[in-house]
N, C-alpha and C. Protein backbone atom coordinates (compact mmCIF):
# COMPACT_ATOMS: atom_id res chain seq x y z
N MET A 1 9.43 -106.25 -4.22
CA MET A 1 10.05 -104.95 -3.94
C MET A 1 11.04 -105.10 -2.79
N THR A 2 12.24 -104.66 -3.00
CA THR A 2 13.28 -104.78 -1.98
C THR A 2 13.12 -103.70 -0.92
N GLU A 3 13.54 -104.05 0.30
CA GLU A 3 13.45 -103.10 1.42
C GLU A 3 14.64 -102.15 1.39
N ASP A 4 14.40 -100.91 1.82
CA ASP A 4 15.46 -99.91 1.84
C ASP A 4 16.09 -99.88 3.23
N TYR A 5 17.40 -100.25 3.28
CA TYR A 5 18.11 -100.28 4.55
C TYR A 5 19.05 -99.08 4.71
N THR A 6 18.81 -98.04 3.92
CA THR A 6 19.70 -96.89 3.93
C THR A 6 19.83 -96.27 5.31
N LEU A 7 18.71 -96.06 5.99
CA LEU A 7 18.75 -95.42 7.31
C LEU A 7 19.53 -96.27 8.31
N LYS A 8 19.32 -97.58 8.28
CA LYS A 8 20.06 -98.45 9.20
C LYS A 8 21.56 -98.37 8.93
N LEU A 9 21.91 -98.33 7.65
CA LEU A 9 23.32 -98.22 7.29
C LEU A 9 23.90 -96.89 7.75
N GLN A 10 23.15 -95.82 7.58
CA GLN A 10 23.62 -94.50 7.99
C GLN A 10 23.84 -94.44 9.50
N VAL A 11 22.99 -95.11 10.26
CA VAL A 11 23.16 -95.14 11.72
C VAL A 11 24.48 -95.83 12.09
N LEU A 12 24.75 -96.96 11.44
CA LEU A 12 26.00 -97.67 11.70
C LEU A 12 27.21 -96.84 11.29
N MET A 13 27.09 -96.16 10.15
CA MET A 13 28.18 -95.30 9.67
C MET A 13 28.43 -94.16 10.64
N TYR A 14 27.36 -93.55 11.13
CA TYR A 14 27.48 -92.42 12.05
C TYR A 14 28.23 -92.82 13.32
N LYS A 15 27.98 -94.03 13.81
CA LYS A 15 28.62 -94.49 15.04
C LYS A 15 30.14 -94.59 14.91
N VAL A 16 30.64 -94.82 13.69
CA VAL A 16 32.09 -94.95 13.50
C VAL A 16 32.67 -93.75 12.75
N GLY A 17 31.88 -92.69 12.61
CA GLY A 17 32.40 -91.46 12.04
C GLY A 17 32.54 -91.45 10.52
N ILE A 18 31.76 -92.25 9.83
CA ILE A 18 31.78 -92.26 8.36
C ILE A 18 30.61 -91.42 7.87
N ASN A 19 30.90 -90.33 7.16
CA ASN A 19 29.86 -89.36 6.85
C ASN A 19 29.30 -89.43 5.42
N SER A 20 29.74 -90.39 4.64
CA SER A 20 29.21 -90.50 3.28
C SER A 20 29.37 -91.92 2.77
N PHE A 21 28.53 -92.28 1.81
CA PHE A 21 28.63 -93.61 1.20
C PHE A 21 29.91 -93.74 0.39
N ARG A 22 30.36 -92.64 -0.18
CA ARG A 22 31.62 -92.67 -0.93
C ARG A 22 32.78 -93.01 0.00
N LYS A 23 32.76 -92.42 1.21
CA LYS A 23 33.81 -92.71 2.19
C LYS A 23 33.76 -94.17 2.61
N LEU A 24 32.56 -94.68 2.81
CA LEU A 24 32.42 -96.09 3.16
C LEU A 24 32.98 -96.98 2.07
N SER A 25 32.71 -96.60 0.82
CA SER A 25 33.22 -97.36 -0.32
C SER A 25 34.74 -97.37 -0.33
N GLU A 26 35.36 -96.20 -0.03
CA GLU A 26 36.82 -96.09 -0.01
C GLU A 26 37.41 -96.94 1.11
N LEU A 27 36.82 -96.86 2.30
CA LEU A 27 37.36 -97.57 3.46
C LEU A 27 37.24 -99.08 3.33
N THR A 28 36.18 -99.53 2.67
CA THR A 28 35.99 -100.97 2.51
C THR A 28 36.61 -101.52 1.24
N GLY A 29 37.05 -100.61 0.36
CA GLY A 29 37.64 -101.05 -0.91
C GLY A 29 36.63 -101.69 -1.82
N THR A 30 35.38 -101.21 -1.73
CA THR A 30 34.32 -101.77 -2.56
C THR A 30 33.79 -100.70 -3.51
N SER A 31 32.95 -101.12 -4.44
CA SER A 31 32.41 -100.20 -5.43
C SER A 31 31.13 -99.54 -4.93
N ASP A 32 30.74 -98.47 -5.63
CA ASP A 32 29.47 -97.81 -5.31
C ASP A 32 28.31 -98.79 -5.49
N ARG A 33 28.43 -99.66 -6.47
CA ARG A 33 27.39 -100.65 -6.74
C ARG A 33 27.21 -101.59 -5.55
N THR A 34 28.32 -101.94 -4.91
CA THR A 34 28.26 -102.80 -3.73
C THR A 34 27.53 -102.11 -2.59
N ILE A 35 27.80 -100.83 -2.39
CA ILE A 35 27.14 -100.08 -1.33
C ILE A 35 25.64 -99.97 -1.62
N ARG A 36 25.29 -99.80 -2.88
CA ARG A 36 23.86 -99.75 -3.23
C ARG A 36 23.17 -101.08 -2.91
N LYS A 37 23.86 -102.18 -3.17
CA LYS A 37 23.30 -103.49 -2.84
C LYS A 37 23.13 -103.64 -1.34
N LEU A 38 24.08 -103.12 -0.59
CA LEU A 38 23.97 -103.16 0.88
C LEU A 38 22.75 -102.38 1.34
N ARG A 39 22.55 -101.22 0.76
CA ARG A 39 21.42 -100.37 1.14
C ARG A 39 20.07 -101.00 0.79
N SER A 40 20.06 -101.84 -0.22
CA SER A 40 18.81 -102.49 -0.61
C SER A 40 18.65 -103.89 -0.01
N GLY A 41 19.61 -104.26 0.86
CA GLY A 41 19.50 -105.54 1.55
C GLY A 41 19.87 -106.74 0.71
N GLU A 42 20.61 -106.55 -0.36
CA GLU A 42 20.98 -107.66 -1.25
C GLU A 42 22.31 -108.28 -0.82
N LEU A 43 22.41 -108.62 0.45
CA LEU A 43 23.67 -109.18 0.95
C LEU A 43 23.96 -110.55 0.34
N HIS A 44 22.92 -111.27 -0.07
CA HIS A 44 23.13 -112.60 -0.65
C HIS A 44 23.88 -112.55 -1.97
N THR A 45 23.97 -111.35 -2.59
CA THR A 45 24.68 -111.22 -3.86
C THR A 45 26.15 -110.82 -3.67
N LEU A 46 26.53 -110.55 -2.42
CA LEU A 46 27.89 -110.09 -2.15
C LEU A 46 28.79 -111.25 -1.73
N ARG A 47 30.05 -111.14 -2.04
CA ARG A 47 31.02 -112.17 -1.67
C ARG A 47 31.25 -112.13 -0.16
N TRP A 48 31.66 -113.24 0.38
CA TRP A 48 31.90 -113.32 1.82
C TRP A 48 33.00 -112.35 2.24
N GLN A 49 34.05 -112.26 1.42
CA GLN A 49 35.14 -111.36 1.77
C GLN A 49 34.65 -109.91 1.85
N THR A 50 33.71 -109.57 0.99
CA THR A 50 33.16 -108.22 1.00
C THR A 50 32.36 -107.96 2.27
N LEU A 51 31.59 -108.95 2.69
CA LEU A 51 30.81 -108.82 3.92
C LEU A 51 31.73 -108.65 5.12
N VAL A 52 32.84 -109.35 5.12
CA VAL A 52 33.80 -109.25 6.21
C VAL A 52 34.41 -107.85 6.26
N LYS A 53 34.79 -107.31 5.10
CA LYS A 53 35.37 -105.97 5.04
C LYS A 53 34.38 -104.92 5.54
N ILE A 54 33.13 -105.05 5.10
CA ILE A 54 32.11 -104.07 5.48
C ILE A 54 31.84 -104.13 6.98
N SER A 55 31.66 -105.33 7.51
CA SER A 55 31.36 -105.47 8.93
C SER A 55 32.52 -104.99 9.79
N SER A 56 33.74 -105.29 9.38
CA SER A 56 34.91 -104.83 10.14
C SER A 56 35.03 -103.32 10.12
N THR A 57 34.75 -102.71 8.97
CA THR A 57 34.81 -101.25 8.86
C THR A 57 33.74 -100.60 9.73
N LEU A 58 32.57 -101.21 9.79
CA LEU A 58 31.47 -100.68 10.61
C LEU A 58 31.63 -101.08 12.08
N GLN A 59 32.66 -101.87 12.38
CA GLN A 59 32.98 -102.30 13.74
C GLN A 59 31.84 -103.10 14.38
N ILE A 60 31.28 -104.00 13.59
CA ILE A 60 30.29 -104.94 14.08
C ILE A 60 30.68 -106.33 13.60
N THR A 61 30.06 -107.34 14.16
CA THR A 61 30.34 -108.70 13.71
C THR A 61 29.59 -108.97 12.40
N VAL A 62 30.02 -110.01 11.71
CA VAL A 62 29.35 -110.38 10.47
C VAL A 62 27.90 -110.77 10.76
N ASN A 63 27.69 -111.48 11.87
CA ASN A 63 26.32 -111.88 12.21
C ASN A 63 25.44 -110.66 12.47
N GLU A 64 25.97 -109.65 13.11
CA GLU A 64 25.21 -108.42 13.33
C GLU A 64 24.87 -107.75 12.01
N LEU A 65 25.82 -107.79 11.08
CA LEU A 65 25.56 -107.21 9.76
C LEU A 65 24.44 -107.95 9.06
N LEU A 66 24.49 -109.29 9.11
CA LEU A 66 23.47 -110.10 8.46
C LEU A 66 22.09 -109.87 9.09
N ASP A 67 22.06 -109.80 10.41
CA ASP A 67 20.78 -109.60 11.09
C ASP A 67 20.21 -108.22 10.81
N THR A 68 21.08 -107.20 10.79
CA THR A 68 20.63 -105.82 10.58
C THR A 68 20.01 -105.65 9.20
N PHE A 69 20.59 -106.34 8.21
CA PHE A 69 20.12 -106.16 6.84
C PHE A 69 19.26 -107.32 6.34
N GLY A 70 18.73 -108.08 7.30
CA GLY A 70 17.73 -109.09 6.97
C GLY A 70 18.22 -110.23 6.12
N ALA A 71 19.49 -110.57 6.21
CA ALA A 71 20.03 -111.65 5.38
C ALA A 71 19.78 -113.00 6.03
N GLN A 72 19.42 -113.98 5.23
CA GLN A 72 19.21 -115.34 5.70
C GLN A 72 20.44 -116.19 5.37
N SER A 73 20.93 -116.90 6.36
CA SER A 73 22.09 -117.77 6.11
C SER A 73 22.11 -118.87 7.16
N SER A 74 22.75 -119.96 6.81
CA SER A 74 22.81 -121.11 7.71
C SER A 74 23.79 -120.86 8.85
N SER A 75 23.67 -121.64 9.89
CA SER A 75 24.56 -121.53 11.04
C SER A 75 26.01 -121.79 10.63
N ASN A 76 26.20 -122.75 9.71
CA ASN A 76 27.56 -123.08 9.25
C ASN A 76 28.18 -121.91 8.49
N ASP A 77 27.35 -121.27 7.64
CA ASP A 77 27.84 -120.11 6.89
C ASP A 77 28.25 -118.99 7.84
N ARG A 78 27.46 -118.77 8.86
CA ARG A 78 27.75 -117.70 9.81
C ARG A 78 29.04 -117.97 10.58
N GLN A 79 29.26 -119.22 10.93
CA GLN A 79 30.49 -119.58 11.63
C GLN A 79 31.72 -119.34 10.74
N GLN A 80 31.58 -119.73 9.47
CA GLN A 80 32.68 -119.51 8.53
C GLN A 80 32.97 -118.02 8.35
N LEU A 81 31.92 -117.23 8.30
CA LEU A 81 32.09 -115.78 8.16
C LEU A 81 32.77 -115.19 9.39
N GLU A 82 32.40 -115.67 10.57
CA GLU A 82 33.02 -115.19 11.80
C GLU A 82 34.52 -115.50 11.80
N LEU A 83 34.87 -116.70 11.35
CA LEU A 83 36.28 -117.08 11.28
C LEU A 83 37.03 -116.21 10.27
N LEU A 84 36.38 -115.94 9.14
CA LEU A 84 36.98 -115.07 8.13
C LEU A 84 37.21 -113.67 8.68
N GLN A 85 36.25 -113.17 9.43
CA GLN A 85 36.38 -111.84 10.00
C GLN A 85 37.53 -111.78 11.00
N GLN A 86 37.66 -112.80 11.83
CA GLN A 86 38.74 -112.84 12.80
C GLN A 86 40.10 -112.85 12.10
N GLU A 87 40.19 -113.65 11.03
CA GLU A 87 41.45 -113.72 10.27
C GLU A 87 41.74 -112.39 9.58
N TYR A 88 40.70 -111.77 9.04
CA TYR A 88 40.86 -110.47 8.37
C TYR A 88 41.36 -109.42 9.36
N GLN A 89 40.76 -109.36 10.54
CA GLN A 89 41.16 -108.38 11.54
C GLN A 89 42.59 -108.64 12.02
N HIS A 90 42.95 -109.92 12.13
CA HIS A 90 44.31 -110.27 12.53
C HIS A 90 45.32 -109.80 11.48
N LEU A 91 44.99 -109.99 10.20
CA LEU A 91 45.88 -109.54 9.12
C LEU A 91 45.98 -108.02 9.11
N GLN A 92 44.87 -107.33 9.37
CA GLN A 92 44.87 -105.87 9.43
C GLN A 92 45.79 -105.38 10.54
N GLN A 93 45.75 -106.04 11.68
CA GLN A 93 46.61 -105.68 12.80
C GLN A 93 48.08 -105.89 12.45
N GLN A 94 48.36 -107.01 11.77
CA GLN A 94 49.74 -107.28 11.36
C GLN A 94 50.24 -106.21 10.39
N LEU A 95 49.40 -105.84 9.43
CA LEU A 95 49.79 -104.80 8.46
C LEU A 95 50.04 -103.47 9.16
N GLN A 96 49.19 -103.13 10.12
CA GLN A 96 49.37 -101.88 10.85
C GLN A 96 50.68 -101.90 11.63
N GLN A 97 50.98 -103.03 12.26
CA GLN A 97 52.24 -103.15 13.01
C GLN A 97 53.44 -103.04 12.07
N GLN A 98 53.34 -103.64 10.89
CA GLN A 98 54.42 -103.56 9.92
C GLN A 98 54.62 -102.12 9.45
N ARG A 99 53.51 -101.40 9.21
CA ARG A 99 53.61 -100.00 8.80
C ARG A 99 54.28 -99.16 9.89
N GLU A 100 53.89 -99.40 11.12
CA GLU A 100 54.48 -98.64 12.23
C GLU A 100 55.97 -98.95 12.38
N THR A 101 56.32 -100.22 12.20
CA THR A 101 57.73 -100.61 12.30
C THR A 101 58.55 -99.96 11.18
N LEU A 102 58.03 -99.99 9.96
CA LEU A 102 58.73 -99.39 8.83
C LEU A 102 58.86 -97.88 9.00
N GLN A 103 57.81 -97.25 9.50
CA GLN A 103 57.86 -95.80 9.71
C GLN A 103 58.89 -95.44 10.77
N THR A 104 58.92 -96.22 11.86
CA THR A 104 59.89 -95.96 12.92
C THR A 104 61.32 -96.14 12.40
N GLU A 105 61.53 -97.21 11.62
CA GLU A 105 62.86 -97.47 11.06
C GLU A 105 63.26 -96.36 10.10
N PHE A 106 62.31 -95.91 9.30
CA PHE A 106 62.57 -94.82 8.35
C PHE A 106 62.95 -93.54 9.10
N GLN A 107 62.21 -93.22 10.14
CA GLN A 107 62.51 -92.02 10.92
C GLN A 107 63.88 -92.13 11.58
N TYR A 108 64.20 -93.33 12.10
CA TYR A 108 65.49 -93.52 12.77
C TYR A 108 66.64 -93.33 11.79
N GLN A 109 66.54 -93.94 10.60
CA GLN A 109 67.60 -93.80 9.61
C GLN A 109 67.75 -92.36 9.15
N SER A 110 66.64 -91.64 9.04
CA SER A 110 66.69 -90.24 8.63
C SER A 110 67.39 -89.41 9.70
N LEU A 111 67.07 -89.67 10.95
CA LEU A 111 67.70 -88.93 12.05
C LEU A 111 69.19 -89.24 12.13
N GLN A 112 69.56 -90.49 11.82
CA GLN A 112 70.97 -90.85 11.81
C GLN A 112 71.72 -90.03 10.75
N THR A 113 71.11 -89.85 9.59
CA THR A 113 71.72 -89.06 8.53
C THR A 113 71.86 -87.60 8.94
N LEU A 114 70.92 -87.12 9.74
CA LEU A 114 70.93 -85.71 10.17
C LEU A 114 71.68 -85.51 11.48
N GLU A 115 72.46 -86.51 11.90
CA GLU A 115 73.10 -86.45 13.22
C GLU A 115 73.90 -85.16 13.43
N SER A 116 74.77 -84.81 12.47
CA SER A 116 75.62 -83.63 12.67
C SER A 116 74.78 -82.36 12.75
N LEU A 117 73.70 -82.30 11.95
CA LEU A 117 72.84 -81.12 11.98
C LEU A 117 72.14 -81.02 13.33
N LEU A 118 71.61 -82.12 13.80
CA LEU A 118 70.88 -82.12 15.07
C LEU A 118 71.81 -81.84 16.25
N THR A 119 73.06 -82.25 16.11
CA THR A 119 74.01 -82.06 17.21
C THR A 119 74.53 -80.64 17.29
N TYR A 120 74.92 -80.08 16.16
CA TYR A 120 75.63 -78.81 16.19
C TYR A 120 74.79 -77.58 15.84
N LEU A 121 73.64 -77.76 15.19
CA LEU A 121 72.83 -76.61 14.84
C LEU A 121 72.34 -75.83 16.05
N PRO A 122 71.87 -76.48 17.13
CA PRO A 122 71.46 -75.70 18.31
C PRO A 122 72.59 -74.85 18.87
N ALA A 123 73.82 -75.41 18.84
CA ALA A 123 74.96 -74.63 19.34
C ALA A 123 75.25 -73.44 18.44
N ALA A 124 75.11 -73.65 17.12
CA ALA A 124 75.33 -72.55 16.18
C ALA A 124 74.26 -71.48 16.36
N LYS A 125 73.01 -71.87 16.57
CA LYS A 125 71.94 -70.90 16.81
C LYS A 125 72.19 -70.11 18.09
N TYR A 126 72.69 -70.79 19.11
CA TYR A 126 73.00 -70.12 20.38
C TYR A 126 74.11 -69.10 20.18
N ALA A 127 75.14 -69.51 19.43
CA ALA A 127 76.26 -68.60 19.19
C ALA A 127 75.82 -67.39 18.38
N ALA A 128 74.97 -67.62 17.37
CA ALA A 128 74.50 -66.52 16.54
C ALA A 128 73.61 -65.57 17.34
N THR A 129 72.83 -66.10 18.27
CA THR A 129 71.95 -65.26 19.09
C THR A 129 72.75 -64.38 20.04
N ASN A 130 73.82 -64.93 20.56
CA ASN A 130 74.60 -64.19 21.55
C ASN A 130 75.77 -63.41 20.95
N ASN A 131 76.00 -63.60 19.67
CA ASN A 131 77.09 -62.87 19.01
C ASN A 131 76.61 -62.42 17.63
N PRO A 132 76.21 -61.14 17.51
CA PRO A 132 75.71 -60.63 16.23
C PRO A 132 76.71 -60.77 15.10
N ASN A 133 78.00 -60.89 15.43
CA ASN A 133 79.05 -60.98 14.41
C ASN A 133 79.36 -62.43 14.03
N PHE A 134 78.59 -63.36 14.57
CA PHE A 134 78.82 -64.77 14.25
C PHE A 134 78.60 -65.00 12.75
N PRO A 135 79.61 -65.48 12.02
CA PRO A 135 79.48 -65.63 10.56
C PRO A 135 78.51 -66.75 10.19
N ALA A 136 77.56 -66.42 9.33
CA ALA A 136 76.57 -67.42 8.91
C ALA A 136 77.21 -68.57 8.15
N SER A 137 78.38 -68.32 7.55
CA SER A 137 79.04 -69.36 6.76
C SER A 137 79.42 -70.57 7.62
N LYS A 138 79.52 -70.39 8.93
CA LYS A 138 79.87 -71.51 9.79
C LYS A 138 78.74 -72.53 9.89
N ILE A 139 77.54 -72.12 9.52
CA ILE A 139 76.41 -73.05 9.57
C ILE A 139 76.35 -73.92 8.32
N PHE A 140 76.94 -73.45 7.23
CA PHE A 140 76.83 -74.16 5.95
C PHE A 140 77.26 -75.61 6.03
N PRO A 141 78.40 -75.95 6.68
CA PRO A 141 78.80 -77.37 6.73
C PRO A 141 77.75 -78.25 7.39
N LEU A 142 76.97 -77.68 8.31
CA LEU A 142 75.95 -78.48 8.99
C LEU A 142 74.84 -78.90 8.05
N LEU A 143 74.65 -78.14 6.99
CA LEU A 143 73.56 -78.42 6.07
C LEU A 143 73.89 -79.56 5.10
N GLN A 144 75.14 -80.02 5.11
CA GLN A 144 75.52 -81.11 4.22
C GLN A 144 74.74 -82.39 4.51
N SER A 145 74.35 -82.56 5.78
CA SER A 145 73.59 -83.76 6.13
C SER A 145 72.23 -83.75 5.45
N ILE A 146 71.64 -82.56 5.26
CA ILE A 146 70.38 -82.46 4.53
C ILE A 146 70.59 -82.86 3.08
N ASP A 147 71.70 -82.43 2.49
CA ASP A 147 72.01 -82.81 1.11
C ASP A 147 72.14 -84.32 0.99
N ARG A 148 72.77 -84.95 1.97
CA ARG A 148 72.92 -86.41 1.94
C ARG A 148 71.56 -87.10 2.02
N LEU A 149 70.71 -86.57 2.90
CA LEU A 149 69.38 -87.16 3.06
C LEU A 149 68.57 -87.03 1.77
N LEU A 150 68.64 -85.86 1.13
CA LEU A 150 67.93 -85.67 -0.13
C LEU A 150 68.45 -86.61 -1.21
N ALA A 151 69.76 -86.84 -1.20
CA ALA A 151 70.35 -87.76 -2.18
C ALA A 151 69.85 -89.18 -1.94
N GLN A 152 69.75 -89.58 -0.67
CA GLN A 152 69.25 -90.92 -0.34
C GLN A 152 67.81 -91.10 -0.80
N TRP A 153 67.06 -90.03 -0.75
CA TRP A 153 65.65 -90.09 -1.15
C TRP A 153 65.48 -89.79 -2.64
N HIS A 154 66.59 -89.66 -3.35
CA HIS A 154 66.57 -89.40 -4.80
C HIS A 154 65.83 -88.10 -5.11
N VAL A 155 66.06 -87.10 -4.26
CA VAL A 155 65.46 -85.78 -4.47
C VAL A 155 66.49 -84.88 -5.15
N THR A 156 66.11 -84.24 -6.23
CA THR A 156 67.00 -83.34 -6.94
C THR A 156 66.47 -81.92 -6.84
N VAL A 157 67.41 -80.98 -6.84
CA VAL A 157 67.07 -79.56 -6.74
C VAL A 157 66.81 -79.02 -8.14
N LEU A 158 65.75 -78.24 -8.27
CA LEU A 158 65.41 -77.63 -9.55
C LEU A 158 65.83 -76.17 -9.54
N GLY A 159 66.81 -75.83 -10.35
CA GLY A 159 67.25 -74.45 -10.46
C GLY A 159 68.32 -74.10 -9.44
N GLU A 160 69.14 -73.15 -9.81
CA GLU A 160 70.19 -72.64 -8.92
C GLU A 160 69.93 -71.15 -8.72
N ILE A 161 69.81 -70.75 -7.47
CA ILE A 161 69.44 -69.37 -7.15
C ILE A 161 70.40 -68.39 -7.82
N GLY A 162 69.82 -67.39 -8.47
CA GLY A 162 70.62 -66.36 -9.13
C GLY A 162 70.86 -66.62 -10.61
N THR A 163 70.57 -67.84 -11.06
CA THR A 163 70.78 -68.15 -12.48
C THR A 163 69.51 -67.85 -13.28
N GLN A 164 69.68 -67.78 -14.60
CA GLN A 164 68.55 -67.56 -15.48
C GLN A 164 68.25 -68.84 -16.25
N ILE A 165 66.98 -69.16 -16.33
CA ILE A 165 66.57 -70.38 -17.01
C ILE A 165 65.34 -70.08 -17.87
N ALA A 166 65.04 -70.99 -18.79
CA ALA A 166 63.86 -70.83 -19.64
C ALA A 166 62.61 -71.16 -18.83
N TYR A 167 61.67 -70.25 -18.85
CA TYR A 167 60.45 -70.39 -18.03
C TYR A 167 59.60 -71.56 -18.50
N ASP A 168 59.25 -72.42 -17.56
CA ASP A 168 58.38 -73.56 -17.80
C ASP A 168 57.31 -73.55 -16.70
N PRO A 169 56.08 -73.18 -17.01
CA PRO A 169 55.05 -73.07 -15.97
C PRO A 169 54.78 -74.37 -15.23
N HIS A 170 55.18 -75.51 -15.80
CA HIS A 170 54.97 -76.78 -15.12
C HIS A 170 55.99 -76.97 -13.99
N CYS A 171 57.16 -76.36 -14.12
CA CYS A 171 58.22 -76.54 -13.13
C CYS A 171 58.52 -75.27 -12.35
N HIS A 172 58.04 -74.13 -12.85
CA HIS A 172 58.39 -72.85 -12.23
C HIS A 172 57.15 -72.08 -11.82
N GLN A 173 57.24 -71.41 -10.69
CA GLN A 173 56.16 -70.54 -10.20
C GLN A 173 56.61 -69.10 -10.31
N LEU A 174 55.94 -68.31 -11.13
CA LEU A 174 56.31 -66.92 -11.34
C LEU A 174 55.78 -66.09 -10.17
N ILE A 175 56.68 -65.50 -9.38
CA ILE A 175 56.26 -64.73 -8.21
C ILE A 175 56.40 -63.23 -8.43
N GLU A 176 56.99 -62.85 -9.56
CA GLU A 176 57.13 -61.41 -9.84
C GLU A 176 57.31 -61.22 -11.35
N GLY A 177 56.60 -60.24 -11.91
CA GLY A 177 56.70 -59.97 -13.33
C GLY A 177 55.84 -60.91 -14.15
N THR A 178 56.04 -60.87 -15.45
CA THR A 178 55.30 -61.74 -16.37
C THR A 178 56.29 -62.44 -17.29
N ALA A 179 55.90 -63.59 -17.79
CA ALA A 179 56.78 -64.34 -18.70
C ALA A 179 55.97 -65.37 -19.46
N ASN A 180 56.37 -65.60 -20.69
CA ASN A 180 55.80 -66.67 -21.49
C ASN A 180 56.73 -67.87 -21.46
N ALA A 181 56.20 -69.03 -21.74
CA ALA A 181 57.02 -70.25 -21.75
C ALA A 181 58.22 -70.07 -22.68
N GLY A 182 59.40 -70.42 -22.17
CA GLY A 182 60.62 -70.32 -22.96
C GLY A 182 61.41 -69.05 -22.72
N GLU A 183 60.78 -68.01 -22.16
CA GLU A 183 61.51 -66.77 -21.88
C GLU A 183 62.39 -66.93 -20.65
N LEU A 184 63.50 -66.18 -20.63
CA LEU A 184 64.43 -66.28 -19.51
C LEU A 184 63.85 -65.64 -18.26
N VAL A 185 63.99 -66.35 -17.14
CA VAL A 185 63.58 -65.84 -15.84
C VAL A 185 64.68 -66.15 -14.84
N ALA A 186 64.69 -65.42 -13.73
CA ALA A 186 65.71 -65.62 -12.70
C ALA A 186 65.16 -66.50 -11.58
N VAL A 187 65.98 -67.42 -11.13
CA VAL A 187 65.58 -68.32 -10.05
C VAL A 187 65.73 -67.59 -8.72
N ARG A 188 64.62 -67.49 -7.99
CA ARG A 188 64.64 -66.84 -6.68
C ARG A 188 64.71 -67.86 -5.54
N TYR A 189 63.98 -68.96 -5.71
CA TYR A 189 63.98 -70.04 -4.72
C TYR A 189 63.97 -71.37 -5.46
N CYS A 190 64.71 -72.32 -4.94
CA CYS A 190 64.84 -73.62 -5.60
C CYS A 190 63.55 -74.44 -5.47
N GLY A 191 63.35 -75.31 -6.45
CA GLY A 191 62.27 -76.29 -6.39
C GLY A 191 62.88 -77.66 -6.18
N TYR A 192 62.00 -78.67 -6.01
CA TYR A 192 62.50 -80.02 -5.75
C TYR A 192 61.66 -81.05 -6.50
N ARG A 193 62.35 -82.10 -6.92
CA ARG A 193 61.69 -83.21 -7.60
C ARG A 193 62.23 -84.51 -7.03
N GLN A 194 61.32 -85.47 -6.83
CA GLN A 194 61.74 -86.79 -6.37
C GLN A 194 61.47 -87.78 -7.49
N GLY A 195 62.54 -88.22 -8.13
CA GLY A 195 62.37 -89.07 -9.31
C GLY A 195 61.66 -88.28 -10.40
N ASP A 196 60.53 -88.81 -10.86
CA ASP A 196 59.74 -88.12 -11.88
C ASP A 196 58.63 -87.27 -11.27
N LYS A 197 58.53 -87.25 -9.94
CA LYS A 197 57.44 -86.55 -9.28
C LYS A 197 57.89 -85.17 -8.80
N LEU A 198 57.18 -84.14 -9.22
CA LEU A 198 57.48 -82.77 -8.80
C LEU A 198 56.95 -82.55 -7.39
N ILE A 199 57.82 -82.08 -6.50
CA ILE A 199 57.41 -81.80 -5.12
C ILE A 199 57.05 -80.33 -4.97
N PHE A 200 58.02 -79.44 -5.28
CA PHE A 200 57.80 -78.00 -5.25
C PHE A 200 58.34 -77.40 -6.53
N ARG A 201 57.62 -76.47 -7.09
CA ARG A 201 58.12 -75.74 -8.25
C ARG A 201 59.14 -74.69 -7.81
N SER A 202 60.11 -74.41 -8.67
CA SER A 202 61.05 -73.32 -8.39
C SER A 202 60.29 -71.99 -8.49
N LYS A 203 60.61 -71.08 -7.60
CA LYS A 203 60.00 -69.73 -7.64
C LYS A 203 60.93 -68.82 -8.44
N VAL A 204 60.35 -68.19 -9.46
CA VAL A 204 61.17 -67.39 -10.37
C VAL A 204 60.54 -66.00 -10.55
N SER A 205 61.33 -65.10 -11.12
CA SER A 205 60.83 -63.75 -11.39
C SER A 205 61.42 -63.26 -12.70
N ASN A 206 60.77 -62.27 -13.28
CA ASN A 206 61.24 -61.70 -14.54
C ASN A 206 61.46 -60.20 -14.36
């Protein structure tokens, strides 16, 4: 009869803020079956890479994981696992740094595209606040930078405000009146799509 290590596992999970076995499975990239084996102390049936992922996620060493769940292994095996864990954590750090670098570069390029908007919109808002007669049309050229950014991201606008289109519940959100698929409705607010992925449905009325 195998020993139940569920409580010990839950204690380790609690310390790192993991509140369910499903979440542990997601964070470690393992299956529910793997987590069940961990709970029953069947570490000898798991791959070394899996043990490294689990121990790193629980923020303990591989040796601590083995000792906690009663696993027997040679000194050489434990040393190899420790080296694997160190390499795994190093790769994780590199990936995190790469993600941060890419995100920073993405944000910088986006801000560069929005330069004219960021530069002149505050001045336009100031002018409009202090002059009720300030024409709103003067702000329109500033919005061209948003159009450029959307084009770079391959985002297309769904519907043109004021026009009538055939109602499609997959692409349109009816905010007033009733309509069946295919009936003409008026576009009240534009929707957006990025490639084949719908971001926002157009808001329409009948």
